[in-house]
Amino acid sequence: MQLNILNKGDAVVAELDGELDEHTASQVREALDKRISAGGFRNFVFDFSRLSFMDSTGIGMLLGRYKILKRSGAGIYISSPRPQVDKILSLAGIYSIIQKINL
């Protein structure tokens, strides 16, 4: 798993590349929490265009970050998920709380 966190105007974009599963979720969570706690953004985008796999641990990690970001008042978005990840997110009901966008 590779994670790139970029500042783009008033947004933070977290680009995830690889597999988000029980082996990588804690490392991603720590990096995201560190950036979220630094603040200085209005919107947070999870760019899943290069994420090839996500399991329930990845969904849990995403939901945890959603709760933190929601309390801070930030806009939260998922960008460009691949079809297999998009299906997992849909089945888990994630799109009922986090909007999907295309960057």
N, C-alpha and C. Protein backbone atom coordinates (compact mmCIF):
# COMPACT_ATOMS: atom_id res chain seq x y z
N MET A 1 0.84 -1.17 0.00
CA MET A 1 0.00 0.00 0.00
C MET A 1 0.88 1.24 0.00
N GLN A 2 0.56 2.13 -0.88
CA GLN A 2 1.24 3.42 -0.93
C GLN A 2 0.20 4.50 -0.71
N LEU A 3 0.54 5.48 0.13
CA LEU A 3 -0.36 6.58 0.46
C LEU A 3 0.34 7.89 0.17
N ASN A 4 -0.29 8.71 -0.65
CA ASN A 4 0.19 10.06 -0.94
C ASN A 4 -0.86 11.03 -0.42
N ILE A 5 -0.47 11.98 0.40
CA ILE A 5 -1.41 12.97 0.92
C ILE A 5 -1.00 14.33 0.36
N LEU A 6 -1.89 14.92 -0.43
CA LEU A 6 -1.61 16.17 -1.13
C LEU A 6 -2.54 17.28 -0.67
N ASN A 7 -2.01 18.50 -0.63
CA ASN A 7 -2.84 19.68 -0.39
C ASN A 7 -3.18 20.28 -1.74
N LYS A 8 -4.47 20.47 -1.99
CA LYS A 8 -4.93 21.07 -3.24
C LYS A 8 -5.93 22.17 -2.89
N GLY A 9 -5.44 23.40 -2.80
CA GLY A 9 -6.30 24.51 -2.40
C GLY A 9 -6.78 24.31 -0.98
N ASP A 10 -8.10 24.34 -0.80
CA ASP A 10 -8.66 24.14 0.55
C ASP A 10 -9.02 22.69 0.83
N ALA A 11 -8.47 21.80 -0.01
CA ALA A 11 -8.76 20.36 0.14
C ALA A 11 -7.48 19.57 0.39
N VAL A 12 -7.66 18.46 1.06
CA VAL A 12 -6.61 17.45 1.19
C VAL A 12 -7.07 16.25 0.36
N VAL A 13 -6.17 15.73 -0.45
CA VAL A 13 -6.46 14.55 -1.26
C VAL A 13 -5.54 13.43 -0.81
N ALA A 14 -6.15 12.33 -0.36
CA ALA A 14 -5.40 11.14 0.05
C ALA A 14 -5.49 10.11 -1.07
N GLU A 15 -4.37 9.92 -1.77
CA GLU A 15 -4.31 8.96 -2.86
C GLU A 15 -3.84 7.61 -2.32
N LEU A 16 -4.69 6.60 -2.45
CA LEU A 16 -4.34 5.27 -1.98
C LEU A 16 -4.06 4.38 -3.19
N ASP A 17 -2.94 3.67 -3.13
CA ASP A 17 -2.49 2.84 -4.24
C ASP A 17 -2.15 1.46 -3.69
N GLY A 18 -2.86 0.45 -4.15
CA GLY A 18 -2.60 -0.92 -3.68
C GLY A 18 -3.82 -1.52 -3.03
N GLU A 19 -3.59 -2.25 -1.93
CA GLU A 19 -4.66 -2.95 -1.23
C GLU A 19 -4.84 -2.39 0.17
N LEU A 20 -6.09 -2.08 0.52
CA LEU A 20 -6.42 -1.59 1.85
C LEU A 20 -7.11 -2.73 2.59
N ASP A 21 -6.32 -3.41 3.43
CA ASP A 21 -6.82 -4.59 4.12
C ASP A 21 -6.27 -4.64 5.54
N GLU A 22 -6.43 -5.76 6.21
CA GLU A 22 -6.00 -5.88 7.60
C GLU A 22 -4.49 -5.67 7.78
N HIS A 23 -3.72 -5.87 6.73
CA HIS A 23 -2.27 -5.71 6.81
C HIS A 23 -1.82 -4.26 6.64
N THR A 24 -2.64 -3.43 6.01
CA THR A 24 -2.22 -2.06 5.69
C THR A 24 -3.08 -0.98 6.36
N ALA A 25 -4.25 -1.34 6.86
CA ALA A 25 -5.19 -0.34 7.38
C ALA A 25 -4.64 0.47 8.55
N SER A 26 -3.91 -0.16 9.46
CA SER A 26 -3.42 0.58 10.63
C SER A 26 -2.38 1.62 10.22
N GLN A 27 -1.52 1.29 9.28
CA GLN A 27 -0.52 2.24 8.79
C GLN A 27 -1.20 3.42 8.10
N VAL A 28 -2.20 3.15 7.28
CA VAL A 28 -2.94 4.21 6.58
C VAL A 28 -3.69 5.06 7.60
N ARG A 29 -4.33 4.43 8.56
CA ARG A 29 -5.08 5.15 9.60
C ARG A 29 -4.18 6.13 10.35
N GLU A 30 -3.01 5.68 10.75
CA GLU A 30 -2.09 6.55 11.48
C GLU A 30 -1.68 7.76 10.66
N ALA A 31 -1.35 7.55 9.39
CA ALA A 31 -0.94 8.66 8.53
C ALA A 31 -2.09 9.64 8.29
N LEU A 32 -3.28 9.11 8.06
CA LEU A 32 -4.44 9.98 7.84
C LEU A 32 -4.80 10.76 9.10
N ASP A 33 -4.77 10.10 10.24
CA ASP A 33 -5.10 10.78 11.50
C ASP A 33 -4.13 11.92 11.78
N LYS A 34 -2.87 11.69 11.47
CA LYS A 34 -1.86 12.74 11.68
C LYS A 34 -2.17 13.95 10.80
N ARG A 35 -2.52 13.70 9.54
CA ARG A 35 -2.83 14.82 8.64
C ARG A 35 -4.13 15.50 9.03
N ILE A 36 -5.14 14.73 9.40
CA ILE A 36 -6.43 15.30 9.79
C ILE A 36 -6.26 16.19 11.02
N SER A 37 -5.48 15.74 11.99
CA SER A 37 -5.29 16.53 13.21
C SER A 37 -4.54 17.83 12.96
N ALA A 38 -3.76 17.89 11.88
CA ALA A 38 -3.04 19.12 11.53
C ALA A 38 -4.01 20.21 11.04
N GLY A 39 -5.17 19.81 10.50
CA GLY A 39 -6.19 20.77 10.06
C GLY A 39 -5.76 21.57 8.83
N GLY A 40 -6.43 22.73 8.66
CA GLY A 40 -6.10 23.61 7.55
C GLY A 40 -6.76 23.25 6.23
N PHE A 41 -7.88 22.57 6.26
CA PHE A 41 -8.58 22.18 5.03
C PHE A 41 -10.09 22.25 5.27
N ARG A 42 -10.83 22.39 4.16
CA ARG A 42 -12.30 22.41 4.24
C ARG A 42 -12.91 21.12 3.72
N ASN A 43 -12.18 20.45 2.82
CA ASN A 43 -12.67 19.22 2.21
C ASN A 43 -11.58 18.16 2.26
N PHE A 44 -12.02 16.91 2.38
CA PHE A 44 -11.09 15.78 2.41
C PHE A 44 -11.56 14.77 1.37
N VAL A 45 -10.66 14.43 0.43
CA VAL A 45 -11.01 13.52 -0.66
C VAL A 45 -10.16 12.26 -0.56
N PHE A 46 -10.83 11.12 -0.57
CA PHE A 46 -10.15 9.83 -0.65
C PHE A 46 -10.12 9.45 -2.13
N ASP A 47 -8.94 9.50 -2.75
CA ASP A 47 -8.79 9.16 -4.16
C ASP A 47 -8.50 7.66 -4.25
N PHE A 48 -9.51 6.91 -4.71
CA PHE A 48 -9.39 5.46 -4.80
C PHE A 48 -9.14 4.99 -6.23
N SER A 49 -8.67 5.88 -7.10
CA SER A 49 -8.47 5.51 -8.51
C SER A 49 -7.40 4.43 -8.70
N ARG A 50 -6.49 4.29 -7.74
CA ARG A 50 -5.44 3.27 -7.84
C ARG A 50 -5.55 2.21 -6.73
N LEU A 51 -6.67 2.23 -6.01
CA LEU A 51 -6.89 1.22 -4.97
C LEU A 51 -7.46 -0.02 -5.64
N SER A 52 -6.74 -1.13 -5.52
CA SER A 52 -7.14 -2.35 -6.23
C SER A 52 -8.00 -3.29 -5.40
N PHE A 53 -7.98 -3.13 -4.06
CA PHE A 53 -8.74 -4.04 -3.19
C PHE A 53 -9.02 -3.36 -1.87
N MET A 54 -10.19 -3.64 -1.31
CA MET A 54 -10.55 -3.16 0.03
C MET A 54 -11.39 -4.24 0.71
N ASP A 55 -11.06 -4.55 1.96
CA ASP A 55 -11.87 -5.51 2.72
C ASP A 55 -12.59 -4.79 3.85
N SER A 56 -13.19 -5.54 4.75
CA SER A 56 -13.98 -4.93 5.82
C SER A 56 -13.12 -4.10 6.77
N THR A 57 -11.85 -4.44 6.91
CA THR A 57 -10.95 -3.63 7.74
C THR A 57 -10.76 -2.26 7.11
N GLY A 58 -10.65 -2.22 5.79
CA GLY A 58 -10.55 -0.95 5.07
C GLY A 58 -11.81 -0.12 5.21
N ILE A 59 -12.97 -0.78 5.16
CA ILE A 59 -14.25 -0.08 5.35
C ILE A 59 -14.29 0.51 6.76
N GLY A 60 -13.86 -0.26 7.75
CA GLY A 60 -13.83 0.24 9.13
C GLY A 60 -12.91 1.44 9.28
N MET A 61 -11.75 1.38 8.64
CA MET A 61 -10.82 2.50 8.68
C MET A 61 -11.44 3.74 8.06
N LEU A 62 -12.11 3.56 6.93
CA LEU A 62 -12.77 4.67 6.25
C LEU A 62 -13.88 5.27 7.12
N LEU A 63 -14.69 4.43 7.75
CA LEU A 63 -15.76 4.92 8.62
C LEU A 63 -15.22 5.68 9.83
N GLY A 64 -14.12 5.21 10.38
CA GLY A 64 -13.50 5.92 11.50
C GLY A 64 -13.03 7.30 11.10
N ARG A 65 -12.42 7.43 9.92
CA ARG A 65 -11.98 8.74 9.44
C ARG A 65 -13.18 9.63 9.12
N TYR A 66 -14.25 9.01 8.61
CA TYR A 66 -15.48 9.76 8.34
C TYR A 66 -15.99 10.42 9.63
N LYS A 67 -16.04 9.66 10.71
CA LYS A 67 -16.54 10.21 11.98
C LYS A 67 -15.70 11.38 12.46
N ILE A 68 -14.38 11.25 12.37
CA ILE A 68 -13.48 12.32 12.79
C ILE A 68 -13.68 13.56 11.91
N LEU A 69 -13.72 13.35 10.60
CA LEU A 69 -13.86 14.47 9.66
C LEU A 69 -15.23 15.14 9.80
N LYS A 70 -16.26 14.36 10.03
CA LYS A 70 -17.62 14.91 10.18
C LYS A 70 -17.67 15.84 11.39
N ARG A 71 -17.05 15.44 12.50
CA ARG A 71 -17.03 16.28 13.69
C ARG A 71 -16.30 17.60 13.44
N SER A 72 -15.31 17.58 12.55
CA SER A 72 -14.56 18.80 12.27
C SER A 72 -15.29 19.72 11.28
N GLY A 73 -16.36 19.22 10.67
CA GLY A 73 -17.13 20.02 9.73
C GLY A 73 -16.61 19.99 8.31
N ALA A 74 -15.65 19.14 8.01
CA ALA A 74 -15.07 19.05 6.67
C ALA A 74 -16.02 18.31 5.72
N GLY A 75 -15.97 18.67 4.45
CA GLY A 75 -16.65 17.91 3.41
C GLY A 75 -15.84 16.65 3.15
N ILE A 76 -16.50 15.52 2.94
CA ILE A 76 -15.82 14.24 2.78
C ILE A 76 -16.28 13.60 1.47
N TYR A 77 -15.32 13.18 0.66
CA TYR A 77 -15.64 12.66 -0.66
C TYR A 77 -14.77 11.45 -1.00
N ILE A 78 -15.31 10.58 -1.87
CA ILE A 78 -14.56 9.47 -2.44
C ILE A 78 -14.48 9.73 -3.92
N SER A 79 -13.26 9.65 -4.46
CA SER A 79 -13.06 9.94 -5.88
C SER A 79 -12.63 8.71 -6.65
N SER A 80 -13.28 8.51 -7.77
CA SER A 80 -12.85 7.58 -8.82
C SER A 80 -12.50 6.16 -8.37
N PRO A 81 -13.36 5.49 -7.61
CA PRO A 81 -13.03 4.12 -7.24
C PRO A 81 -13.09 3.18 -8.44
N ARG A 82 -12.20 2.20 -8.45
CA ARG A 82 -12.24 1.16 -9.48
C ARG A 82 -13.50 0.34 -9.28
N PRO A 83 -13.96 -0.35 -10.33
CA PRO A 83 -15.22 -1.10 -10.24
C PRO A 83 -15.32 -2.06 -9.06
N GLN A 84 -14.26 -2.82 -8.77
CA GLN A 84 -14.33 -3.79 -7.68
C GLN A 84 -14.42 -3.11 -6.32
N VAL A 85 -13.73 -1.98 -6.14
CA VAL A 85 -13.80 -1.23 -4.89
C VAL A 85 -15.14 -0.50 -4.81
N ASP A 86 -15.60 0.03 -5.93
CA ASP A 86 -16.90 0.70 -5.98
C ASP A 86 -18.02 -0.24 -5.55
N LYS A 87 -17.95 -1.50 -5.96
CA LYS A 87 -18.96 -2.49 -5.59
C LYS A 87 -18.96 -2.73 -4.08
N ILE A 88 -17.78 -2.86 -3.49
CA ILE A 88 -17.65 -3.06 -2.04
C ILE A 88 -18.24 -1.86 -1.29
N LEU A 89 -17.89 -0.65 -1.74
CA LEU A 89 -18.39 0.56 -1.09
C LEU A 89 -19.91 0.66 -1.21
N SER A 90 -20.44 0.31 -2.35
CA SER A 90 -21.90 0.32 -2.56
C SER A 90 -22.59 -0.68 -1.65
N LEU A 91 -22.08 -1.91 -1.61
CA LEU A 91 -22.68 -2.96 -0.78
C LEU A 91 -22.63 -2.60 0.70
N ALA A 92 -21.58 -1.91 1.11
CA ALA A 92 -21.43 -1.52 2.51
C ALA A 92 -22.27 -0.29 2.86
N GLY A 93 -22.87 0.34 1.86
CA GLY A 93 -23.71 1.51 2.11
C GLY A 93 -22.93 2.80 2.35
N ILE A 94 -21.68 2.81 1.97
CA ILE A 94 -20.82 3.98 2.21
C ILE A 94 -21.34 5.21 1.47
N TYR A 95 -21.89 5.02 0.28
CA TYR A 95 -22.34 6.17 -0.50
C TYR A 95 -23.57 6.87 0.08
N SER A 96 -24.17 6.27 1.09
CA SER A 96 -25.29 6.96 1.76
C SER A 96 -24.77 8.02 2.73
N ILE A 97 -23.47 7.97 3.05
CA ILE A 97 -22.90 8.98 3.97
C ILE A 97 -21.74 9.77 3.36
N ILE A 98 -21.06 9.19 2.36
CA ILE A 98 -19.93 9.86 1.72
C ILE A 98 -20.22 9.96 0.22
N GLN A 99 -20.15 11.17 -0.30
CA GLN A 99 -20.46 11.40 -1.71
C GLN A 99 -19.30 10.95 -2.61
N LYS A 100 -19.67 10.34 -3.75
CA LYS A 100 -18.68 9.92 -4.75
C LYS A 100 -18.55 11.04 -5.78
N ILE A 101 -17.28 11.40 -6.10
CA ILE A 101 -17.01 12.42 -7.09
C ILE A 101 -15.93 11.93 -8.05
N ASN A 102 -15.72 12.64 -9.14
CA ASN A 102 -14.62 12.38 -10.05
C ASN A 102 -13.72 13.60 -10.08
N LEU A 103 -12.45 13.39 -9.82
CA LEU A 103 -11.49 14.51 -9.89
C LEU A 103 -10.98 14.69 -11.30
